[in-house]
N, C-alpha and C. Protein backbone atom coordinates (compact mmCIF):
# COMPACT_ATOMS: atom_id res chain seq x y z
N UNK A 1 93.28 112.67 85.94
CA UNK A 1 92.80 112.83 87.31
C UNK A 1 91.44 112.15 87.44
N UNK A 2 91.25 111.42 88.52
CA UNK A 2 89.98 110.73 88.71
C UNK A 2 89.01 111.61 89.50
N UNK A 3 87.84 111.04 89.80
CA UNK A 3 86.80 111.80 90.52
C UNK A 3 87.21 112.18 91.94
N UNK A 4 88.25 111.54 92.47
CA UNK A 4 88.75 111.86 93.81
C UNK A 4 89.82 112.95 93.78
N UNK A 5 90.17 113.39 92.58
CA UNK A 5 91.24 114.37 92.44
C UNK A 5 92.62 113.74 92.48
N UNK A 6 92.68 112.44 92.34
CA UNK A 6 93.94 111.71 92.37
C UNK A 6 94.42 111.50 90.94
N UNK A 7 95.67 111.78 90.69
CA UNK A 7 96.25 111.43 89.40
C UNK A 7 97.36 110.41 89.64
N UNK A 8 97.44 109.45 88.75
CA UNK A 8 98.40 108.36 88.87
C UNK A 8 99.18 108.27 87.57
N UNK A 9 100.48 108.13 87.69
CA UNK A 9 101.30 107.95 86.50
C UNK A 9 102.44 106.99 86.81
N UNK A 10 103.02 106.44 85.75
CA UNK A 10 104.17 105.56 85.90
C UNK A 10 105.31 106.36 86.51
N UNK A 11 106.00 105.75 87.46
CA UNK A 11 107.12 106.41 88.10
C UNK A 11 108.25 106.67 87.13
N UNK A 12 108.96 107.76 87.37
CA UNK A 12 110.14 108.14 86.59
C UNK A 12 111.30 108.30 87.56
N UNK A 13 112.50 108.35 87.02
CA UNK A 13 113.68 108.45 87.89
C UNK A 13 113.60 109.63 88.84
N UNK A 14 113.05 110.74 88.40
CA UNK A 14 112.96 111.91 89.29
C UNK A 14 111.98 111.70 90.44
N UNK A 15 111.20 110.61 90.39
CA UNK A 15 110.29 110.27 91.49
C UNK A 15 110.99 109.50 92.62
N UNK A 16 112.21 109.07 92.39
CA UNK A 16 112.91 108.23 93.38
C UNK A 16 112.95 108.86 94.77
N UNK A 17 113.27 110.15 94.93
CA UNK A 17 113.28 110.72 96.29
C UNK A 17 111.90 110.67 96.96
N UNK A 18 110.84 110.94 96.20
CA UNK A 18 109.50 110.91 96.78
C UNK A 18 109.11 109.48 97.15
N UNK A 19 109.42 108.52 96.27
CA UNK A 19 109.11 107.11 96.57
C UNK A 19 109.86 106.68 97.82
N UNK A 20 111.12 107.05 97.93
CA UNK A 20 111.91 106.71 99.12
C UNK A 20 111.27 107.30 100.37
N UNK A 21 110.96 108.58 100.33
CA UNK A 21 110.39 109.25 101.50
C UNK A 21 109.05 108.65 101.91
N UNK A 22 108.16 108.46 100.94
CA UNK A 22 106.85 107.88 101.24
C UNK A 22 107.02 106.45 101.76
N UNK A 23 107.90 105.68 101.13
CA UNK A 23 108.12 104.30 101.56
C UNK A 23 108.60 104.21 102.99
N UNK A 24 109.60 105.00 103.32
CA UNK A 24 110.15 104.97 104.68
C UNK A 24 109.13 105.44 105.70
N UNK A 25 108.50 106.57 105.44
CA UNK A 25 107.53 107.11 106.40
C UNK A 25 106.37 106.15 106.62
N UNK A 26 105.86 105.59 105.54
CA UNK A 26 104.72 104.68 105.65
C UNK A 26 105.11 103.38 106.33
N UNK A 27 106.26 102.83 105.96
CA UNK A 27 106.70 101.57 106.56
C UNK A 27 106.91 101.74 108.07
N UNK A 28 107.56 102.82 108.46
CA UNK A 28 107.79 103.08 109.89
C UNK A 28 106.45 103.23 110.62
N UNK A 29 105.51 103.96 110.02
CA UNK A 29 104.20 104.15 110.65
C UNK A 29 103.47 102.83 110.90
N UNK A 30 103.61 101.89 109.96
CA UNK A 30 102.80 100.68 110.04
C UNK A 30 103.53 99.43 110.54
N UNK A 31 104.84 99.37 110.37
CA UNK A 31 105.52 98.10 110.63
C UNK A 31 106.71 98.18 111.58
N UNK A 32 106.97 99.31 112.18
CA UNK A 32 108.16 99.42 113.03
C UNK A 32 108.10 98.52 114.26
N UNK A 33 106.91 98.16 114.71
CA UNK A 33 106.79 97.33 115.91
C UNK A 33 107.31 95.91 115.72
N UNK A 34 107.43 95.46 114.47
CA UNK A 34 107.89 94.08 114.26
C UNK A 34 109.41 94.00 114.12
N UNK A 35 110.10 95.14 114.24
CA UNK A 35 111.54 95.20 114.07
C UNK A 35 112.21 95.80 115.30
N UNK A 36 113.46 95.42 115.51
CA UNK A 36 114.32 96.14 116.43
C UNK A 36 114.87 97.36 115.69
N UNK A 37 115.48 98.27 116.40
CA UNK A 37 115.96 99.51 115.79
C UNK A 37 116.97 99.28 114.67
N UNK A 38 117.98 98.44 114.92
CA UNK A 38 118.99 98.17 113.89
C UNK A 38 118.41 97.41 112.70
N UNK A 39 117.58 96.43 112.97
CA UNK A 39 116.98 95.65 111.90
C UNK A 39 116.10 96.51 111.01
N UNK A 40 115.33 97.40 111.62
CA UNK A 40 114.47 98.30 110.85
C UNK A 40 115.32 99.21 109.97
N UNK A 41 116.37 99.74 110.53
CA UNK A 41 117.25 100.62 109.76
C UNK A 41 117.84 99.88 108.56
N UNK A 42 118.31 98.66 108.75
CA UNK A 42 118.87 97.87 107.65
C UNK A 42 117.81 97.57 106.59
N UNK A 43 116.62 97.21 107.04
CA UNK A 43 115.53 96.90 106.12
C UNK A 43 115.19 98.12 105.26
N UNK A 44 115.03 99.26 105.91
CA UNK A 44 114.66 100.48 105.18
C UNK A 44 115.72 100.87 104.17
N UNK A 45 116.98 100.76 104.55
CA UNK A 45 118.05 101.14 103.63
C UNK A 45 118.14 100.17 102.45
N UNK A 46 117.88 98.91 102.70
CA UNK A 46 117.93 97.92 101.62
C UNK A 46 116.76 98.11 100.65
N UNK A 47 115.56 98.33 101.17
CA UNK A 47 114.38 98.38 100.32
C UNK A 47 114.04 99.76 99.78
N UNK A 48 114.55 100.80 100.42
CA UNK A 48 114.19 102.15 100.00
C UNK A 48 115.41 103.01 99.70
N UNK A 49 116.53 102.39 99.37
CA UNK A 49 117.71 103.14 98.95
C UNK A 49 117.39 103.82 97.61
N UNK A 50 117.70 105.09 97.50
CA UNK A 50 117.35 105.84 96.31
C UNK A 50 117.98 105.26 95.05
N UNK A 51 119.24 104.82 95.12
CA UNK A 51 119.87 104.27 93.93
C UNK A 51 119.20 102.95 93.51
N UNK A 52 118.76 102.16 94.47
CA UNK A 52 118.03 100.92 94.18
C UNK A 52 116.70 101.24 93.48
N UNK A 53 115.99 102.22 94.00
CA UNK A 53 114.71 102.62 93.40
C UNK A 53 114.93 103.13 91.98
N UNK A 54 115.99 103.92 91.79
CA UNK A 54 116.28 104.44 90.44
C UNK A 54 116.56 103.29 89.45
N UNK A 55 117.31 102.28 89.90
CA UNK A 55 117.57 101.13 89.02
C UNK A 55 116.27 100.43 88.65
N UNK A 56 115.40 100.26 89.63
CA UNK A 56 114.11 99.61 89.35
C UNK A 56 113.28 100.46 88.39
N UNK A 57 113.31 101.77 88.55
CA UNK A 57 112.55 102.66 87.67
C UNK A 57 113.06 102.59 86.22
N UNK A 58 114.35 102.32 86.04
CA UNK A 58 114.92 102.20 84.69
C UNK A 58 114.65 100.83 84.07
N UNK A 59 114.36 99.84 84.89
CA UNK A 59 114.19 98.48 84.40
C UNK A 59 112.81 98.22 83.82
N UNK A 60 112.61 96.99 83.39
CA UNK A 60 111.32 96.61 82.79
C UNK A 60 110.55 95.60 83.63
N UNK A 61 111.17 95.03 84.65
CA UNK A 61 110.50 94.00 85.46
C UNK A 61 109.71 94.57 86.63
N UNK A 62 109.93 95.83 86.94
CA UNK A 62 109.25 96.49 88.05
C UNK A 62 108.62 97.78 87.55
N UNK A 63 107.43 98.07 88.04
CA UNK A 63 106.75 99.32 87.69
C UNK A 63 106.27 99.97 88.98
N UNK A 64 106.66 101.21 89.16
CA UNK A 64 106.10 102.03 90.23
C UNK A 64 105.00 102.88 89.63
N UNK A 65 103.88 102.98 90.30
CA UNK A 65 102.82 103.90 89.94
C UNK A 65 102.74 104.91 91.08
N UNK A 66 102.88 106.18 90.75
CA UNK A 66 102.94 107.22 91.77
C UNK A 66 101.62 107.99 91.76
N UNK A 67 101.03 108.16 92.94
CA UNK A 67 99.76 108.86 93.10
C UNK A 67 100.01 110.28 93.57
N UNK A 68 99.35 111.22 92.89
CA UNK A 68 99.49 112.64 93.20
C UNK A 68 98.15 113.24 93.57
N UNK A 69 98.19 114.14 94.52
CA UNK A 69 97.03 114.93 94.91
C UNK A 69 97.49 116.38 94.92
N UNK A 70 96.90 117.21 94.08
CA UNK A 70 97.29 118.62 94.02
C UNK A 70 98.76 118.81 93.66
N UNK A 71 99.30 117.95 92.82
CA UNK A 71 100.68 118.07 92.40
C UNK A 71 101.70 117.50 93.37
N UNK A 72 101.26 116.99 94.50
CA UNK A 72 102.15 116.43 95.52
C UNK A 72 102.04 114.90 95.54
N UNK A 73 103.17 114.20 95.51
CA UNK A 73 103.17 112.74 95.61
C UNK A 73 102.72 112.34 97.01
N UNK A 74 101.65 111.54 97.07
CA UNK A 74 101.11 111.13 98.38
C UNK A 74 101.13 109.62 98.56
N UNK A 75 101.47 108.88 97.50
CA UNK A 75 101.49 107.43 97.61
C UNK A 75 102.07 106.79 96.37
N UNK A 76 102.25 105.48 96.46
CA UNK A 76 102.74 104.74 95.30
C UNK A 76 102.38 103.27 95.44
N UNK A 77 102.43 102.60 94.30
CA UNK A 77 102.32 101.14 94.27
C UNK A 77 103.55 100.62 93.55
N UNK A 78 103.95 99.42 93.91
CA UNK A 78 105.08 98.76 93.26
C UNK A 78 104.62 97.40 92.76
N UNK A 79 104.79 97.19 91.45
CA UNK A 79 104.45 95.92 90.81
C UNK A 79 105.72 95.26 90.30
N UNK A 80 105.84 93.96 90.54
CA UNK A 80 106.93 93.16 89.98
C UNK A 80 106.29 92.18 89.00
N UNK A 81 106.72 92.24 87.74
CA UNK A 81 106.12 91.40 86.72
C UNK A 81 106.80 90.05 86.63
N UNK A 82 106.01 89.04 86.20
CA UNK A 82 106.50 87.68 86.03
C UNK A 82 107.15 87.15 87.31
N UNK A 83 106.53 87.47 88.43
CA UNK A 83 107.06 87.08 89.75
C UNK A 83 106.45 85.75 90.19
N UNK A 84 107.27 84.83 90.67
CA UNK A 84 106.75 83.52 91.08
C UNK A 84 105.94 83.61 92.38
N UNK A 85 104.83 82.91 92.40
CA UNK A 85 104.10 82.76 93.66
C UNK A 85 105.03 82.09 94.68
N UNK A 86 104.90 82.41 95.96
CA UNK A 86 105.75 81.75 96.96
C UNK A 86 105.64 80.23 96.94
N UNK A 87 104.50 79.70 96.53
CA UNK A 87 104.32 78.24 96.45
C UNK A 87 105.03 77.64 95.24
N UNK A 88 105.47 78.49 94.31
CA UNK A 88 106.10 78.01 93.09
C UNK A 88 105.11 77.60 92.01
N UNK A 89 103.82 77.81 92.26
CA UNK A 89 102.77 77.37 91.35
C UNK A 89 102.37 78.48 90.38
N UNK A 90 103.28 78.90 89.55
CA UNK A 90 102.96 79.88 88.53
C UNK A 90 103.63 81.22 88.78
N UNK A 91 103.58 82.06 87.75
CA UNK A 91 104.18 83.39 87.79
C UNK A 91 103.13 84.41 87.35
N UNK A 92 103.13 85.54 88.02
CA UNK A 92 102.20 86.61 87.69
C UNK A 92 102.75 87.92 88.18
N UNK A 93 101.92 88.93 88.18
CA UNK A 93 102.32 90.25 88.67
C UNK A 93 102.19 90.27 90.19
N UNK A 94 103.27 90.60 90.86
CA UNK A 94 103.24 90.74 92.31
C UNK A 94 102.98 92.20 92.65
N UNK A 95 101.91 92.45 93.37
CA UNK A 95 101.65 93.79 93.91
C UNK A 95 102.39 93.84 95.25
N UNK A 96 103.61 94.35 95.21
CA UNK A 96 104.47 94.30 96.39
C UNK A 96 104.11 95.36 97.42
N UNK A 97 103.67 96.53 96.94
CA UNK A 97 103.37 97.61 97.88
C UNK A 97 102.26 98.49 97.34
N UNK A 98 101.38 98.92 98.20
CA UNK A 98 100.55 100.10 98.00
C UNK A 98 100.71 100.90 99.29
N UNK A 99 101.34 102.04 99.19
CA UNK A 99 101.60 102.89 100.35
C UNK A 99 101.03 104.28 100.12
N UNK A 100 100.38 104.80 101.14
CA UNK A 100 99.91 106.19 101.15
C UNK A 100 100.34 106.84 102.46
N UNK A 101 100.68 108.11 102.37
CA UNK A 101 101.05 108.86 103.56
C UNK A 101 99.86 108.98 104.51
N UNK A 102 100.16 109.11 105.80
CA UNK A 102 99.11 109.38 106.78
C UNK A 102 98.35 110.61 106.33
N UNK A 103 97.07 110.62 106.55
CA UNK A 103 96.25 111.73 106.12
C UNK A 103 95.70 111.54 104.72
N UNK A 104 96.24 110.56 103.99
CA UNK A 104 95.77 110.28 102.64
C UNK A 104 95.02 108.95 102.58
N UNK A 105 94.89 108.30 103.72
CA UNK A 105 94.22 107.00 103.75
C UNK A 105 92.73 107.19 104.06
N UNK A 106 91.95 106.18 103.73
CA UNK A 106 90.52 106.21 104.03
C UNK A 106 89.72 107.12 103.11
N UNK A 107 90.30 107.48 101.97
CA UNK A 107 89.62 108.40 101.04
C UNK A 107 89.29 107.74 99.70
N UNK A 108 89.53 106.44 99.59
CA UNK A 108 89.28 105.74 98.34
C UNK A 108 90.46 105.73 97.39
N UNK A 109 91.58 106.31 97.81
CA UNK A 109 92.76 106.37 96.94
C UNK A 109 93.33 104.98 96.68
N UNK A 110 93.29 104.11 97.69
CA UNK A 110 93.82 102.76 97.52
C UNK A 110 93.08 102.00 96.44
N UNK A 111 91.76 102.15 96.41
CA UNK A 111 90.96 101.49 95.38
C UNK A 111 91.32 102.04 94.00
N UNK A 112 91.47 103.34 93.91
CA UNK A 112 91.85 103.94 92.63
C UNK A 112 93.22 103.44 92.17
N UNK A 113 94.18 103.41 93.07
CA UNK A 113 95.53 102.95 92.71
C UNK A 113 95.51 101.47 92.36
N UNK A 114 94.72 100.67 93.07
CA UNK A 114 94.61 99.24 92.76
C UNK A 114 94.08 99.05 91.33
N UNK A 115 93.11 99.85 90.91
CA UNK A 115 92.59 99.74 89.54
C UNK A 115 93.70 100.00 88.53
N UNK A 116 94.55 100.97 88.80
CA UNK A 116 95.68 101.24 87.91
C UNK A 116 96.64 100.05 87.87
N UNK A 117 96.86 99.43 89.03
CA UNK A 117 97.74 98.25 89.09
C UNK A 117 97.17 97.10 88.27
N UNK A 118 95.88 96.88 88.39
CA UNK A 118 95.24 95.81 87.62
C UNK A 118 95.37 96.09 86.12
N UNK A 119 95.18 97.32 85.72
CA UNK A 119 95.33 97.69 84.30
C UNK A 119 96.75 97.45 83.81
N UNK A 120 97.73 97.80 84.62
CA UNK A 120 99.14 97.58 84.24
C UNK A 120 99.42 96.09 84.07
N UNK A 121 98.92 95.29 84.99
CA UNK A 121 99.17 93.84 84.92
C UNK A 121 98.48 93.22 83.70
N UNK A 122 97.28 93.68 83.39
CA UNK A 122 96.57 93.19 82.20
C UNK A 122 97.34 93.60 80.95
N UNK A 123 97.81 94.85 80.91
CA UNK A 123 98.56 95.33 79.74
C UNK A 123 99.84 94.51 79.52
N UNK A 124 100.41 93.98 80.60
CA UNK A 124 101.61 93.14 80.49
C UNK A 124 101.26 91.68 80.23
N UNK A 125 99.97 91.39 80.07
CA UNK A 125 99.46 90.04 79.79
C UNK A 125 99.80 89.05 80.89
N UNK A 126 99.79 89.53 82.13
CA UNK A 126 100.01 88.64 83.27
C UNK A 126 98.77 87.79 83.49
N UNK A 127 98.91 86.51 83.83
CA UNK A 127 97.75 85.66 84.03
C UNK A 127 96.99 85.96 85.34
N UNK A 128 97.72 86.46 86.33
CA UNK A 128 97.10 86.79 87.62
C UNK A 128 97.96 87.84 88.32
N UNK A 129 97.38 88.41 89.36
CA UNK A 129 98.11 89.33 90.22
C UNK A 129 98.04 88.78 91.63
N UNK A 130 99.13 88.88 92.36
CA UNK A 130 99.17 88.33 93.71
C UNK A 130 99.87 89.29 94.66
N UNK A 131 99.69 89.06 95.94
CA UNK A 131 100.29 89.88 96.98
C UNK A 131 100.28 89.10 98.29
N UNK A 132 100.98 89.65 99.27
CA UNK A 132 100.88 89.08 100.61
C UNK A 132 100.49 90.17 101.59
N UNK A 133 99.77 89.76 102.64
CA UNK A 133 99.36 90.68 103.70
C UNK A 133 99.64 90.00 105.04
N UNK A 134 99.95 90.83 106.03
CA UNK A 134 100.13 90.30 107.38
C UNK A 134 98.86 89.58 107.83
N UNK A 135 99.03 88.42 108.44
CA UNK A 135 97.86 87.70 108.94
C UNK A 135 97.08 88.54 109.93
N UNK A 136 97.75 89.42 110.63
CA UNK A 136 97.10 90.27 111.63
C UNK A 136 96.38 91.46 111.01
N UNK A 137 96.52 91.69 109.70
CA UNK A 137 95.92 92.85 109.05
C UNK A 137 94.61 92.46 108.36
N UNK A 138 93.58 92.26 109.17
CA UNK A 138 92.28 91.83 108.65
C UNK A 138 91.69 92.87 107.70
N UNK A 139 91.93 94.14 107.95
CA UNK A 139 91.40 95.19 107.08
C UNK A 139 91.96 95.11 105.68
N UNK A 140 93.28 94.89 105.55
CA UNK A 140 93.90 94.78 104.23
C UNK A 140 93.38 93.54 103.51
N UNK A 141 93.27 92.44 104.23
CA UNK A 141 92.77 91.22 103.59
C UNK A 141 91.35 91.43 103.08
N UNK A 142 90.50 92.06 103.89
CA UNK A 142 89.12 92.31 103.48
C UNK A 142 89.07 93.24 102.26
N UNK A 143 89.93 94.26 102.23
CA UNK A 143 89.99 95.17 101.09
C UNK A 143 90.29 94.41 99.81
N UNK A 144 91.32 93.57 99.83
CA UNK A 144 91.70 92.84 98.62
C UNK A 144 90.66 91.79 98.24
N UNK A 145 90.09 91.12 99.22
CA UNK A 145 89.05 90.13 98.91
C UNK A 145 87.83 90.81 98.29
N UNK A 146 87.51 92.02 98.74
CA UNK A 146 86.41 92.78 98.14
C UNK A 146 86.68 93.05 96.66
N UNK A 147 87.94 93.08 96.28
CA UNK A 147 88.33 93.35 94.89
C UNK A 147 88.74 92.09 94.13
N UNK A 148 88.23 90.93 94.58
CA UNK A 148 88.37 89.71 93.82
C UNK A 148 89.57 88.83 94.14
N UNK A 149 90.37 89.20 95.13
CA UNK A 149 91.51 88.37 95.51
C UNK A 149 91.03 87.23 96.40
N UNK A 150 91.67 86.08 96.25
CA UNK A 150 91.34 84.90 97.06
C UNK A 150 92.61 84.39 97.73
N UNK A 151 92.42 83.80 98.89
CA UNK A 151 93.53 83.20 99.63
C UNK A 151 94.06 82.00 98.84
N UNK A 152 95.38 82.01 98.57
CA UNK A 152 95.99 80.90 97.84
C UNK A 152 97.14 80.26 98.61
N UNK A 153 97.50 80.81 99.75
CA UNK A 153 98.59 80.23 100.52
C UNK A 153 99.01 81.10 101.68
N UNK A 154 100.07 80.65 102.31
CA UNK A 154 100.65 81.35 103.45
C UNK A 154 102.17 81.32 103.31
N UNK A 155 102.82 82.26 103.95
CA UNK A 155 104.27 82.26 104.01
C UNK A 155 104.68 82.99 105.28
N UNK A 156 105.95 82.97 105.57
CA UNK A 156 106.47 83.64 106.75
C UNK A 156 107.55 84.64 106.34
N UNK A 157 107.69 85.67 107.14
CA UNK A 157 108.75 86.66 106.94
C UNK A 157 109.47 86.80 108.28
N UNK A 158 110.79 86.75 108.22
CA UNK A 158 111.59 86.91 109.43
C UNK A 158 112.06 88.35 109.56
N UNK A 159 111.90 88.89 110.75
CA UNK A 159 112.50 90.17 111.08
C UNK A 159 113.60 89.87 112.09
N UNK A 160 114.27 90.89 112.56
CA UNK A 160 115.31 90.66 113.56
C UNK A 160 114.72 90.38 114.94
N UNK A 161 113.40 90.50 115.08
CA UNK A 161 112.75 90.26 116.36
C UNK A 161 111.84 89.04 116.38
N UNK A 162 111.26 88.69 115.22
CA UNK A 162 110.25 87.64 115.22
C UNK A 162 109.99 87.12 113.81
N UNK A 163 109.18 86.07 113.76
CA UNK A 163 108.70 85.58 112.48
C UNK A 163 107.24 86.02 112.35
N UNK A 164 106.91 86.57 111.18
CA UNK A 164 105.58 87.12 110.93
C UNK A 164 104.87 86.23 109.91
N UNK A 165 103.62 85.91 110.19
CA UNK A 165 102.83 85.13 109.24
C UNK A 165 102.15 86.03 108.22
N UNK A 166 102.15 85.59 106.98
CA UNK A 166 101.55 86.34 105.88
C UNK A 166 100.58 85.44 105.12
N UNK A 167 99.47 86.02 104.69
CA UNK A 167 98.57 85.35 103.77
C UNK A 167 98.96 85.77 102.35
N UNK A 168 98.91 84.82 101.43
CA UNK A 168 99.13 85.12 100.01
C UNK A 168 97.78 85.09 99.33
N UNK A 169 97.45 86.19 98.65
CA UNK A 169 96.19 86.34 97.95
C UNK A 169 96.47 86.54 96.46
N UNK A 170 95.57 86.04 95.62
CA UNK A 170 95.75 86.19 94.17
C UNK A 170 94.40 86.41 93.52
N UNK A 171 94.48 87.02 92.33
CA UNK A 171 93.28 87.28 91.53
C UNK A 171 93.62 87.01 90.06
N UNK A 172 92.81 86.16 89.40
CA UNK A 172 93.07 85.92 87.97
C UNK A 172 92.79 87.19 87.16
N UNK A 173 93.55 87.34 86.07
CA UNK A 173 93.37 88.50 85.20
C UNK A 173 92.86 88.11 83.80
N UNK A 174 92.81 86.84 83.53
CA UNK A 174 92.25 86.38 82.25
C UNK A 174 91.55 85.07 82.43
């Protein structure tokens, strides 16, 4: 447990229901406006299906880190190891998600969980860690840049309603 009262551990199969619930609730809270109703439903089922999460938890290429406060799961991060940058210029650890439930944000938990992600990527001997953020999410970009990430590219994501611009940020680990 850290000074914030947050404990973080590697996800286990029994965490799949909590990861699914947190993922769906958080995604809907933050990103539902970029989707139509059917498209959002398909996206959520594809990315947060419990059996899919369980398979990832059993594998070695993906690591979930689950954050607990008072014994309750309140957030998670998802790392994909040896993941290619969208530009094709190298492979590193992709920080695909850091999600916290409403009411758990703005307390420094994201910074704590990010430190755990960096440690995991270093332990896997990844040369760098990368992620993408919505171009419209200046707060997320500033958070990651404060922690040593630099803009390395751009990409687009298609939803059933629109195309969304994303910035790709990376940070060397060695």
